[in-house]
Amino acid sequence: MALKIKTKDKHIKNLANLVTGPRSILYHHEDLIAYDCDGFTLHKHLPKAVVFPKDTEEVAKLVKYCSENNLPFLARGAGTGLSGGAIPLNGEVIISLVRMKRLLSVDLENRRAVVEPGFVNLKLTNSIADKGYYYAPDPSSQSCCTIGGNVAENAGGAHCLKYGVTTNHILGLEVVLPNGEIVEIGKNGIQDEPGYDLLGLLTGSEGTLGIVTKITVRILKNPEAKQTVLAYFDKVSDGSQAVSDIISAGIVPAALEMMDKTAIEGVEAAAFPVGHPKDIEAVLLIEVDGILAGIDEQINQILDVCNSRNVREVKVAEDELERGRWWANRKTGFGAMGAISPDYLVQDGVIPRSKLPEVLSKINQISEESGLRIANIFHAGDGNLHPLVLFDARIPGESEKALAAGSACLQACADVGGTITGEHGVGIEKIEEMRFVFTDEEIISQTNIREVFNPDNLLNAGKLFPMPGRCVEIKRDLKERETVIS
C-alpha cells in the first residue's frame, strides 16, 4: 500500500515508493529535528528526509535513486557516534538502518555469526551467552550502539587491549556501493582472501565508501576464568607508571582502564556509584581472563606492581556482582559527566603508554589556560585517552573554547608520536586535526581511494578528510602530470 505523502517534493514522493511499511519515511520538520546530529551535538543540520529500508534490496534502490538524481545521502545507525559522522551537512537523505536489526545466523562450530547493521552490539553477546560465547568489541555505548555503526567507526572498547577493535572481528561484509550495486566481501566468512584487504579498508571508513547491509563477525568462547582488580592512587603519575609496569611485566590484561579525579567525581554523582574515595587522584580497573591455571599468578603480579607504585588501596572483586558494579561505574563514564556539567565534549587520542604522564600534564595545562575543567578517562593499557572537556553552552564563547581545548589535547597527543583518534572516528569534529598526523600528499592519496568507490562524493560528503588549498593545488598538479605522462 502506497504511503500518503503530503508534499510537493517529487524526490520525497519517489523515495517513499521505494520503501515498504508504515512510517518508512520522515520528511516533516518536527520529525527531522531528531536527526540533525549524532552524539556530537555542537553541530546540527537537518536532513532532507529519513527513510527506513527493511532489507538490502531497498537500501540498493534508495542509493541508486539518490545517485541517479544527484541527491546527497548517508547511512545512520543508532546515532551514538561522537565525531559527527552521521550529521547531514548537505541536506542529505538519511538512510536509517534501524529496521534491519536481525540476527541472521549463528555458527558455533566455526565461531561466527551474521547480523544486519541495525543489530545492537550487546544484544549479540546476550543472544549467545547461554551457549558459552560472546562478541568481544565492547564500546561504552554497547547497550544501544549498532554493529553497523561499529564497523563504520572501527569501534573499540575497554577490552580491546587484549582482543582488538572491530576490524579484528569482521569476517565478511555485504555492501551497497554508492551507485547502488550490491557486493559481497569475505565470502563464506573467510577473512584472509587473496588480494587487497577490502574488509580492512571498509571497516573504519566512516560510511564514505559504501553502506554495510550484512556483517559476518567472529564470536569467541567465554574464558574459563576472569578476575578484576580495583586500585586507588594518590598521584596520577603513580597510576600511570603502574600501567606501564604491568605491561612491562609481560601481563596482557583483557582490560586496563584509568579515571582521574574529575572523572571519578562524575561517575560517583551518576547512576552507578561504587564509593570511590572523594580525594583520590586516580583509579585503575584491571581485568585478566583466560584459563584458570595462571590467573591467580597474574593477579598477584598486578598487586605487587600496584603496591610498588604507592597504591593507597588495591582489591580484587569478591564475586561477579561486585565486578559488574565496578564495570557499570566505568562504562557510564561519558554520560556521567552530565551529572557535574551542563555540557561536555568527548575527545579521543592515542599515545605511547610511556608518554602518559607527559600528556596528562599538558592536558592539565590546557585546562588551566582555557578555564575549563577536563576529566580524563583512558583505555590506559593501549594508550587511548578520552579527555572530556566540561563547559556550559549557554555561556557565550564557551562552546568555541571547548572545541579549541579539545583540539589542543589532540595536538598534545600528536606531538608525542600519537594520533587523533583511537575509536571514535574523525567525522566532522577532527577534520582539520587530520593535518596533525598527515601531510597534504598523504591526504590526497586517501581521498583518491574514496573517489574510486564514491566518485561523485554523494555519500557522506564533507567527512573524514580536509580539503585545504594546498590539497586542491596538489591534486591539480598530479592530474596534469598524469596527462603529460599519457
Protein backbone atom coordinates (compact mmCIF):
# COMPACT_ATOMS: atom_id res chain seq x y z
CA MET A 1 0.00 0.00 0.00
CA ALA A 2 1.43 3.37 -1.05
CA LEU A 3 2.11 5.89 1.68
CA LYS A 4 0.13 9.13 1.71
CA ILE A 5 2.79 11.78 1.13
CA LYS A 6 1.70 15.38 1.68
CA THR A 7 4.45 17.27 -0.09
CA LYS A 8 5.14 18.74 -3.49
CA ASP A 9 8.74 17.45 -3.41
CA LYS A 10 8.92 14.81 -6.14
CA HIS A 11 12.03 13.22 -4.69
CA ILE A 12 10.39 12.57 -1.34
CA LYS A 13 7.40 11.04 -3.12
CA ASN A 14 9.65 8.83 -5.22
CA LEU A 15 11.78 7.77 -2.24
CA ALA A 16 8.63 6.85 -0.32
CA ASN A 17 7.64 4.48 -3.11
CA LEU A 18 10.96 2.61 -2.77
CA VAL A 19 10.42 1.53 0.85
CA THR A 20 7.65 -0.54 2.39
CA GLY A 21 5.95 -0.49 5.76
CA PRO A 22 4.24 2.17 7.89
CA ARG A 23 6.26 5.25 8.86
CA SER A 24 9.03 4.23 6.47
CA ILE A 25 9.87 7.85 5.60
CA LEU A 26 10.02 11.07 7.63
CA TYR A 27 10.07 14.49 5.98
CA HIS A 28 8.22 16.95 8.25
CA HIS A 29 10.40 19.49 10.05
CA GLU A 30 9.30 18.35 13.52
CA ASP A 31 10.30 14.76 12.70
CA LEU A 32 13.64 15.65 11.15
CA ILE A 33 14.86 17.56 14.22
CA ALA A 34 15.65 14.24 15.91
CA TYR A 35 18.16 13.51 13.13
CA ASP A 36 20.01 16.84 12.98
CA CYS A 37 23.05 15.46 14.85
CA ASP A 38 24.53 12.35 16.40
CA GLY A 39 26.45 12.15 19.69
CA PHE A 40 28.48 15.18 18.60
CA THR A 41 25.92 17.87 19.38
CA LEU A 42 27.90 21.04 18.70
CA HIS A 43 26.84 21.00 15.04
CA LYS A 44 23.26 20.45 13.89
CA HIS A 45 21.86 20.28 10.35
CA LEU A 46 18.50 19.00 9.12
CA PRO A 47 18.33 16.19 6.56
CA LYS A 48 16.08 16.34 3.52
CA ALA A 49 14.31 13.17 4.65
CA VAL A 50 14.87 10.00 6.66
CA VAL A 51 13.99 6.67 5.07
CA PHE A 52 13.82 3.28 6.77
CA PRO A 53 14.57 0.37 4.41
CA LYS A 54 13.78 -3.14 5.62
CA ASP A 55 16.41 -5.04 3.65
CA THR A 56 19.43 -4.81 1.35
CA GLU A 57 17.32 -4.56 -1.79
CA GLU A 58 15.51 -1.48 -0.51
CA VAL A 59 18.81 0.11 0.51
CA ALA A 60 20.15 -0.52 -3.02
CA LYS A 61 17.05 1.04 -4.60
CA LEU A 62 17.35 4.14 -2.42
CA VAL A 63 21.06 4.52 -3.13
CA LYS A 64 20.58 4.07 -6.86
CA TYR A 65 17.83 6.68 -6.90
CA CYS A 66 19.94 9.19 -4.97
CA SER A 67 22.92 8.55 -7.23
CA GLU A 68 20.93 8.97 -10.43
CA ASN A 69 19.27 12.16 -9.19
CA ASN A 70 22.37 13.76 -7.66
CA LEU A 71 20.91 13.69 -4.13
CA PRO A 72 23.47 13.56 -1.29
CA PHE A 73 22.81 10.73 1.16
CA LEU A 74 24.29 8.96 4.17
CA ALA A 75 23.66 5.92 6.36
CA ARG A 76 22.80 6.14 10.05
CA GLY A 77 22.59 3.56 12.82
CA ALA A 78 21.70 4.40 16.41
CA GLY A 79 23.26 7.88 16.22
CA THR A 80 25.65 7.26 19.12
CA GLY A 81 28.75 8.33 17.17
CA LEU A 82 30.83 11.02 18.87
CA SER A 83 32.51 12.78 15.95
CA GLY A 84 29.61 13.95 13.77
CA GLY A 85 29.90 11.21 11.16
CA ALA A 86 26.11 10.92 10.79
CA ILE A 87 25.33 14.64 10.69
CA PRO A 88 23.67 15.65 7.37
CA LEU A 89 25.85 18.62 6.39
CA ASN A 90 24.42 18.94 2.87
CA GLY A 91 20.72 18.28 3.39
CA GLU A 92 21.26 14.58 2.83
CA VAL A 93 18.68 11.86 2.58
CA ILE A 94 19.40 9.78 5.68
CA ILE A 95 19.11 6.05 5.11
CA SER A 96 18.39 4.75 8.61
CA LEU A 97 19.26 1.09 9.13
CA VAL A 98 17.40 0.59 12.42
CA ARG A 99 14.75 -1.67 10.85
CA MET A 100 17.48 -4.03 9.66
CA LYS A 101 18.08 -5.47 13.12
CA ARG A 102 18.02 -9.25 12.79
CA LEU A 103 20.48 -11.87 13.96
CA LEU A 104 20.52 -13.89 10.76
CA SER A 105 22.57 -16.92 11.78
CA VAL A 106 24.93 -18.32 14.41
CA ASP A 107 27.58 -20.92 13.53
CA LEU A 108 29.12 -22.11 16.80
CA GLU A 109 31.28 -24.72 15.09
CA ASN A 110 33.08 -22.06 13.05
CA ARG A 111 32.63 -19.38 15.71
CA ARG A 112 30.87 -16.80 13.63
CA ALA A 113 27.53 -15.03 13.41
CA VAL A 114 25.78 -12.99 10.72
CA VAL A 115 23.88 -9.85 11.68
CA GLU A 116 22.17 -6.95 9.98
CA PRO A 117 23.68 -3.49 10.57
CA GLY A 118 20.95 -2.33 12.95
CA PHE A 119 21.59 -5.20 15.36
CA VAL A 120 22.65 -3.81 18.76
CA ASN A 121 26.16 -4.72 19.91
CA LEU A 122 25.35 -6.06 23.39
CA LYS A 123 22.36 -7.97 22.08
CA LEU A 124 24.71 -10.27 20.18
CA THR A 125 26.52 -11.32 23.36
CA ASN A 126 23.20 -11.70 25.19
CA SER A 127 21.89 -13.88 22.37
CA ILE A 128 24.75 -16.39 22.56
CA ALA A 129 25.78 -16.17 26.23
CA ASP A 130 23.77 -19.26 27.20
CA LYS A 131 25.81 -21.25 24.69
CA GLY A 132 29.08 -20.07 26.24
CA TYR A 133 30.05 -17.46 23.61
CA TYR A 134 30.32 -13.68 23.36
CA TYR A 135 31.21 -10.85 20.98
CA ALA A 136 34.39 -9.07 22.09
CA PRO A 137 34.21 -5.39 20.93
CA ASP A 138 32.55 -3.53 23.80
CA PRO A 139 32.33 0.25 23.37
CA SER A 140 30.81 2.15 26.29
CA SER A 141 27.59 2.56 24.28
CA GLN A 142 27.33 -1.18 23.58
CA SER A 143 23.86 -1.40 25.11
CA CYS A 144 22.49 0.83 22.34
CA CYS A 145 25.06 1.21 19.53
CA THR A 146 24.68 -0.95 16.42
CA ILE A 147 27.20 -3.28 14.87
CA GLY A 148 26.84 -1.48 11.54
CA GLY A 149 27.91 1.74 13.24
CA ASN A 150 30.76 -0.12 14.94
CA VAL A 151 32.01 -1.21 11.51
CA ALA A 152 31.84 2.35 10.19
CA GLU A 153 33.87 3.74 13.10
CA ASN A 154 36.04 0.66 13.79
CA ALA A 155 34.81 0.87 17.37
CA GLY A 156 36.92 -0.45 20.22
CA GLY A 157 36.07 -0.59 23.90
CA ALA A 158 37.53 -1.43 27.25
CA HIS A 159 38.66 -4.94 26.28
CA CYS A 160 40.39 -4.01 23.01
CA LEU A 161 43.81 -4.14 24.73
CA LYS A 162 43.77 -7.94 24.50
CA TYR A 163 41.07 -8.65 21.93
CA GLY A 164 41.46 -5.83 19.42
CA VAL A 165 38.94 -3.48 17.82
CA THR A 166 36.08 -4.17 15.44
CA THR A 167 38.26 -4.83 12.39
CA ASN A 168 39.83 -7.79 14.21
CA HIS A 169 36.40 -9.44 14.45
CA ILE A 170 34.94 -8.85 10.97
CA LEU A 171 34.95 -11.86 8.63
CA GLY A 172 32.68 -10.65 5.85
CA LEU A 173 30.54 -7.74 4.68
CA GLU A 174 27.69 -7.22 2.28
CA VAL A 175 27.91 -3.64 1.00
CA VAL A 176 25.81 -1.38 -1.18
CA LEU A 177 28.20 0.79 -3.19
CA PRO A 178 27.36 4.47 -3.88
CA ASN A 179 25.95 3.57 -7.32
CA GLY A 180 23.50 1.03 -5.85
CA GLU A 181 25.49 -2.09 -6.69
CA ILE A 182 25.48 -4.85 -4.06
CA VAL A 183 28.82 -6.57 -3.42
CA GLU A 184 29.97 -9.27 -1.01
CA ILE A 185 33.40 -9.12 0.58
CA GLY A 186 34.85 -12.03 2.53
CA LYS A 187 32.62 -14.74 1.10
CA ASN A 188 31.80 -17.67 3.40
CA GLY A 189 33.40 -15.85 6.30
CA ILE A 190 36.93 -16.42 5.01
CA GLN A 191 38.79 -13.39 6.29
CA ASP A 192 42.16 -13.93 4.61
CA GLU A 193 41.13 -13.88 0.97
CA PRO A 194 43.90 -13.27 -1.57
CA GLY A 195 44.28 -9.75 -2.89
CA TYR A 196 43.78 -6.40 -1.20
CA ASP A 197 42.27 -6.26 2.28
CA LEU A 198 38.95 -4.68 1.38
CA LEU A 199 37.44 -5.68 4.73
CA GLY A 200 40.14 -3.65 6.46
CA LEU A 201 39.61 -0.74 4.08
CA LEU A 202 35.85 -0.58 4.60
CA THR A 203 35.97 -1.08 8.37
CA GLY A 204 36.58 2.37 9.80
CA SER A 205 35.83 4.21 6.54
CA GLU A 206 33.07 6.13 8.37
CA GLY A 207 30.36 5.49 5.82
CA THR A 208 32.18 7.23 2.96
CA LEU A 209 32.81 4.18 0.73
CA GLY A 210 29.58 2.21 0.92
CA ILE A 211 26.66 1.19 3.13
CA VAL A 212 27.08 -2.07 5.01
CA THR A 213 23.93 -4.20 4.97
CA LYS A 214 25.14 -7.54 6.36
CA ILE A 215 28.04 -8.38 8.65
CA THR A 216 29.75 -11.69 9.43
CA VAL A 217 31.51 -11.42 12.79
CA ARG A 218 33.83 -13.59 14.81
CA ILE A 219 32.43 -14.80 18.14
CA LEU A 220 34.59 -16.08 21.00
CA LYS A 221 34.27 -18.79 23.60
CA ASN A 222 33.82 -17.43 27.12
CA PRO A 223 37.10 -17.51 29.05
CA GLU A 224 37.42 -20.21 31.70
CA ALA A 225 38.29 -17.69 34.41
CA LYS A 226 38.15 -13.94 34.96
CA GLN A 227 39.27 -11.68 37.80
CA THR A 228 39.11 -7.91 38.24
CA VAL A 229 41.26 -5.56 40.33
CA LEU A 230 40.49 -2.02 41.52
CA ALA A 231 43.41 0.18 42.61
CA TYR A 232 43.41 3.72 44.07
CA PHE A 233 46.37 6.10 43.69
CA ASP A 234 47.04 9.45 45.35
CA LYS A 235 49.02 10.56 42.30
CA VAL A 236 48.09 10.18 38.64
CA SER A 237 51.77 9.70 37.88
CA ASP A 238 51.91 6.62 40.13
CA GLY A 239 48.85 5.14 38.45
CA SER A 240 50.32 5.88 35.02
CA GLN A 241 53.58 4.19 35.91
CA ALA A 242 51.71 1.17 37.27
CA VAL A 243 50.07 0.79 33.84
CA SER A 244 53.45 0.67 32.11
CA ASP A 245 54.87 -1.68 34.74
CA ILE A 246 52.02 -4.17 34.33
CA ILE A 247 52.57 -4.38 30.56
CA SER A 248 56.36 -4.49 31.03
CA ALA A 249 55.92 -7.48 33.36
CA GLY A 250 54.60 -9.45 30.40
CA ILE A 251 50.97 -9.38 31.55
CA VAL A 252 48.38 -8.63 28.86
CA PRO A 253 45.17 -7.80 30.73
CA ALA A 254 41.85 -8.10 28.97
CA ALA A 255 41.26 -4.50 30.10
CA LEU A 256 43.33 -1.82 31.81
CA GLU A 257 41.24 1.29 32.46
CA MET A 258 42.01 4.52 34.31
CA MET A 259 39.98 7.53 35.52
CA ASP A 260 41.27 10.74 37.08
CA LYS A 261 39.75 12.75 39.95
CA THR A 262 37.29 14.77 37.86
CA ALA A 263 36.06 11.66 36.06
CA ILE A 264 35.66 9.89 39.41
CA GLU A 265 33.59 12.83 40.66
CA GLY A 266 31.30 12.38 37.67
CA VAL A 267 30.76 8.62 37.92
CA GLU A 268 30.14 8.86 41.67
CA ALA A 269 27.46 11.53 41.08
CA ALA A 270 25.72 9.48 38.38
CA ALA A 271 23.65 6.29 38.25
CA PHE A 272 26.21 3.68 39.37
CA PRO A 273 28.34 4.98 42.25
CA VAL A 274 30.57 2.42 43.98
CA GLY A 275 32.07 4.52 46.77
CA HIS A 276 35.37 5.69 45.26
CA PRO A 277 37.20 7.96 47.76
CA LYS A 278 36.42 11.61 47.04
CA ASP A 279 40.05 12.72 47.43
CA ILE A 280 41.63 10.07 45.23
CA GLU A 281 43.55 11.27 42.16
CA ALA A 282 43.33 8.13 40.01
CA VAL A 283 41.64 4.74 39.89
CA LEU A 284 42.75 1.74 37.82
CA LEU A 285 40.35 -1.02 36.77
CA ILE A 286 42.30 -4.08 35.65
CA GLU A 287 40.83 -7.33 34.33
CA VAL A 288 42.59 -10.56 33.40
CA ASP A 289 40.99 -13.61 31.84
CA GLY A 290 41.91 -16.93 30.27
CA ILE A 291 42.41 -20.47 31.52
CA LEU A 292 42.03 -20.95 35.25
CA ALA A 293 45.61 -22.07 35.78
CA GLY A 294 47.75 -18.96 35.97
CA ILE A 295 45.07 -16.36 36.70
CA ASP A 296 45.98 -16.11 40.39
CA GLU A 297 49.65 -15.68 39.48
CA GLN A 298 48.81 -12.77 37.18
CA ILE A 299 46.64 -11.16 39.86
CA ASN A 300 49.46 -11.44 42.40
CA GLN A 301 51.88 -9.81 39.96
CA ILE A 302 49.43 -6.95 39.40
CA LEU A 303 49.01 -6.47 43.15
CA ASP A 304 52.80 -6.39 43.56
CA VAL A 305 53.15 -3.76 40.81
CA CYS A 306 50.45 -1.55 42.35
CA ASN A 307 52.00 -1.82 45.80
CA SER A 308 55.39 -0.84 44.38
CA ARG A 309 53.83 2.35 42.98
CA ASN A 310 52.45 3.79 46.23
CA VAL A 311 48.92 2.48 45.81
CA ARG A 312 46.59 3.66 48.59
CA GLU A 313 44.32 0.64 48.30
CA VAL A 314 44.07 -2.30 45.91
CA LYS A 315 41.44 -5.04 45.97
CA VAL A 316 40.16 -7.95 43.93
CA ALA A 317 36.44 -8.26 43.14
CA GLU A 318 34.89 -10.76 45.52
CA ASP A 319 32.27 -12.01 43.09
CA GLU A 320 30.57 -11.34 39.75
CA LEU A 321 28.16 -8.88 41.38
CA GLU A 322 30.97 -6.65 42.62
CA ARG A 323 32.81 -6.93 39.32
CA GLY A 324 29.60 -5.92 37.49
CA ARG A 325 29.18 -2.86 39.73
CA TRP A 326 32.73 -1.71 39.03
CA TRP A 327 32.25 -2.06 35.30
CA ALA A 328 28.85 -0.34 35.31
CA ASN A 329 30.51 2.58 37.09
CA ARG A 330 33.24 2.79 34.44
CA LYS A 331 31.03 2.15 31.40
CA THR A 332 28.81 5.13 32.22
CA GLY A 333 31.83 7.42 32.47
CA PHE A 334 30.97 9.59 29.45
CA GLY A 335 27.30 10.07 30.25
CA ALA A 336 28.14 10.61 33.92
CA MET A 337 29.75 13.93 33.03
CA GLY A 338 26.22 15.27 32.65
CA ALA A 339 25.90 14.94 36.42
CA ILE A 340 28.62 17.55 37.01
CA SER A 341 28.48 19.73 33.89
CA PRO A 342 25.71 21.10 31.61
CA ASP A 343 27.69 20.11 28.51
CA TYR A 344 30.81 18.14 27.67
CA LEU A 345 32.93 17.34 24.64
CA VAL A 346 34.46 13.87 24.38
CA GLN A 347 37.90 13.65 22.78
CA ASP A 348 39.73 10.56 21.60
CA GLY A 349 43.51 10.49 21.17
CA VAL A 350 46.14 7.76 21.26
CA ILE A 351 49.67 7.99 22.63
CA PRO A 352 52.57 5.68 23.52
CA ARG A 353 51.97 4.44 27.08
CA SER A 354 55.32 5.81 28.20
CA LYS A 355 54.14 9.34 27.32
CA LEU A 356 51.06 9.21 29.56
CA PRO A 357 52.45 11.40 32.41
CA GLU A 358 53.74 13.99 29.91
CA VAL A 359 50.46 14.23 28.01
CA LEU A 360 48.36 14.36 31.17
CA SER A 361 50.49 17.25 32.40
CA LYS A 362 49.89 19.04 29.10
CA ILE A 363 46.13 18.39 29.28
CA ASN A 364 46.11 19.88 32.80
CA GLN A 365 47.88 22.95 31.41
CA ILE A 366 45.28 23.22 28.62
CA SER A 367 42.55 23.05 31.26
CA GLU A 368 44.11 25.87 33.29
CA GLU A 369 44.68 28.08 30.24
CA SER A 370 41.15 27.60 28.88
CA GLY A 371 39.45 27.91 32.24
CA LEU A 372 37.52 24.70 31.55
CA ARG A 373 37.65 21.53 33.62
CA ILE A 374 38.87 18.44 31.75
CA ALA A 375 38.09 14.95 33.03
CA ASN A 376 40.24 12.07 31.80
CA ILE A 377 39.11 8.52 31.14
CA PHE A 378 41.58 6.18 29.44
CA HIS A 379 41.90 2.77 27.92
CA ALA A 380 45.27 3.15 29.55
CA GLY A 381 46.69 -0.21 28.51
CA ASP A 382 46.81 0.74 24.84
CA GLY A 383 47.27 4.49 25.33
CA ASN A 384 43.78 5.50 24.18
CA LEU A 385 42.85 8.74 26.02
CA HIS A 386 39.42 10.31 26.36
CA PRO A 387 39.74 13.88 27.68
CA LEU A 388 36.23 15.18 28.41
CA VAL A 389 36.08 18.96 28.20
CA LEU A 390 33.36 20.28 30.53
CA PHE A 391 31.59 23.52 29.56
CA ASP A 392 28.29 25.38 29.52
CA ALA A 393 26.98 26.09 26.03
CA ARG A 394 24.64 28.74 27.46
CA ILE A 395 27.64 30.97 28.21
CA PRO A 396 28.69 32.86 25.05
CA GLY A 397 32.04 31.65 23.76
CA GLU A 398 32.32 28.51 25.91
CA SER A 399 31.47 26.12 23.05
CA GLU A 400 34.28 27.62 20.99
CA LYS A 401 36.62 27.38 24.00
CA ALA A 402 35.72 23.72 24.41
CA LEU A 403 36.43 22.96 20.76
CA ALA A 404 39.78 24.77 20.95
CA ALA A 405 40.71 22.91 24.15
CA GLY A 406 39.77 19.58 22.57
CA SER A 407 41.90 20.34 19.54
CA ALA A 408 44.82 21.28 21.77
CA CYS A 409 44.51 17.92 23.56
CA LEU A 410 44.76 16.14 20.21
CA GLN A 411 47.77 18.25 19.25
CA ALA A 412 49.41 17.14 22.51
CA CYS A 413 48.81 13.50 21.52
CA ALA A 414 50.22 14.02 18.02
CA ASP A 415 53.27 15.86 19.37
CA VAL A 416 54.46 12.77 21.26
CA GLY A 417 54.05 10.43 18.29
CA GLY A 418 50.41 9.58 18.88
CA THR A 419 47.33 10.15 16.75
CA ILE A 420 43.97 11.91 16.88
CA THR A 421 41.51 9.05 17.21
CA GLY A 422 41.53 5.53 18.53
CA GLU A 423 37.89 4.51 18.14
CA HIS A 424 35.53 7.48 17.75
CA GLY A 425 36.45 8.36 14.19
CA VAL A 426 37.12 11.72 12.54
CA GLY A 427 33.68 12.66 11.23
CA ILE A 428 33.47 16.44 11.06
CA GLU A 429 34.88 17.03 14.53
CA LYS A 430 38.52 16.22 13.74
CA ILE A 431 38.78 17.06 10.03
CA GLU A 432 41.28 19.87 10.50
CA GLU A 433 43.19 17.85 13.10
CA MET A 434 43.91 15.22 10.42
CA ARG A 435 46.71 17.59 9.39
CA PHE A 436 48.36 16.99 12.77
CA VAL A 437 49.27 13.49 11.57
CA PHE A 438 49.08 13.52 7.74
CA THR A 439 50.72 15.63 5.06
CA ASP A 440 48.63 17.07 2.24
CA GLU A 441 50.09 14.44 -0.09
CA GLU A 442 49.02 11.64 2.26
CA ILE A 443 45.51 13.09 2.49
CA ILE A 444 45.34 13.24 -1.32
CA SER A 445 46.31 9.56 -1.52
CA GLN A 446 43.43 8.64 0.77
CA THR A 447 40.85 10.80 -0.97
CA ASN A 448 41.91 9.17 -4.24
CA ILE A 449 40.77 5.85 -2.76
CA ARG A 450 37.46 7.40 -1.77
CA GLU A 451 36.95 8.61 -5.33
CA VAL A 452 37.24 5.06 -6.66
CA PHE A 453 34.26 3.98 -4.53
CA ASN A 454 32.41 7.29 -4.30
CA PRO A 455 33.38 9.29 -7.44
CA ASP A 456 30.52 11.78 -7.22
CA ASN A 457 31.05 12.29 -3.46
CA LEU A 458 27.34 12.00 -2.79
CA LEU A 459 27.78 9.51 0.06
CA ASN A 460 28.51 11.22 3.39
CA ALA A 461 30.38 14.13 1.85
CA GLY A 462 32.37 16.54 3.98
CA LYS A 463 33.53 13.90 6.45
CA LEU A 464 36.88 12.39 7.42
CA PHE A 465 39.28 14.39 5.20
CA PRO A 466 40.08 18.12 4.98
CA MET A 467 40.48 19.82 1.65
CA PRO A 468 42.93 22.67 2.32
CA GLY A 469 44.03 24.94 -0.51
CA ARG A 470 47.29 23.10 -1.00
CA CYS A 471 45.44 19.82 -1.42
CA VAL A 472 43.46 21.26 -4.32
CA GLU A 473 46.66 22.54 -5.94
CA ILE A 474 48.48 19.24 -5.43
CA LYS A 475 45.56 17.31 -6.89
CA ARG A 476 45.54 19.53 -9.97
CA ASP A 477 49.31 19.14 -10.37
CA LEU A 478 49.01 15.35 -10.12
CA LYS A 479 46.33 15.27 -12.82
CA GLU A 480 48.47 17.50 -15.05
CA ARG A 481 51.42 15.13 -14.59
CA GLU A 482 49.21 12.16 -15.48
CA THR A 483 48.13 13.99 -18.64
CA VAL A 484 51.74 14.71 -19.62
CA ILE A 485 52.77 11.11 -18.98
CA SER A 486 49.90 9.69 -21.01
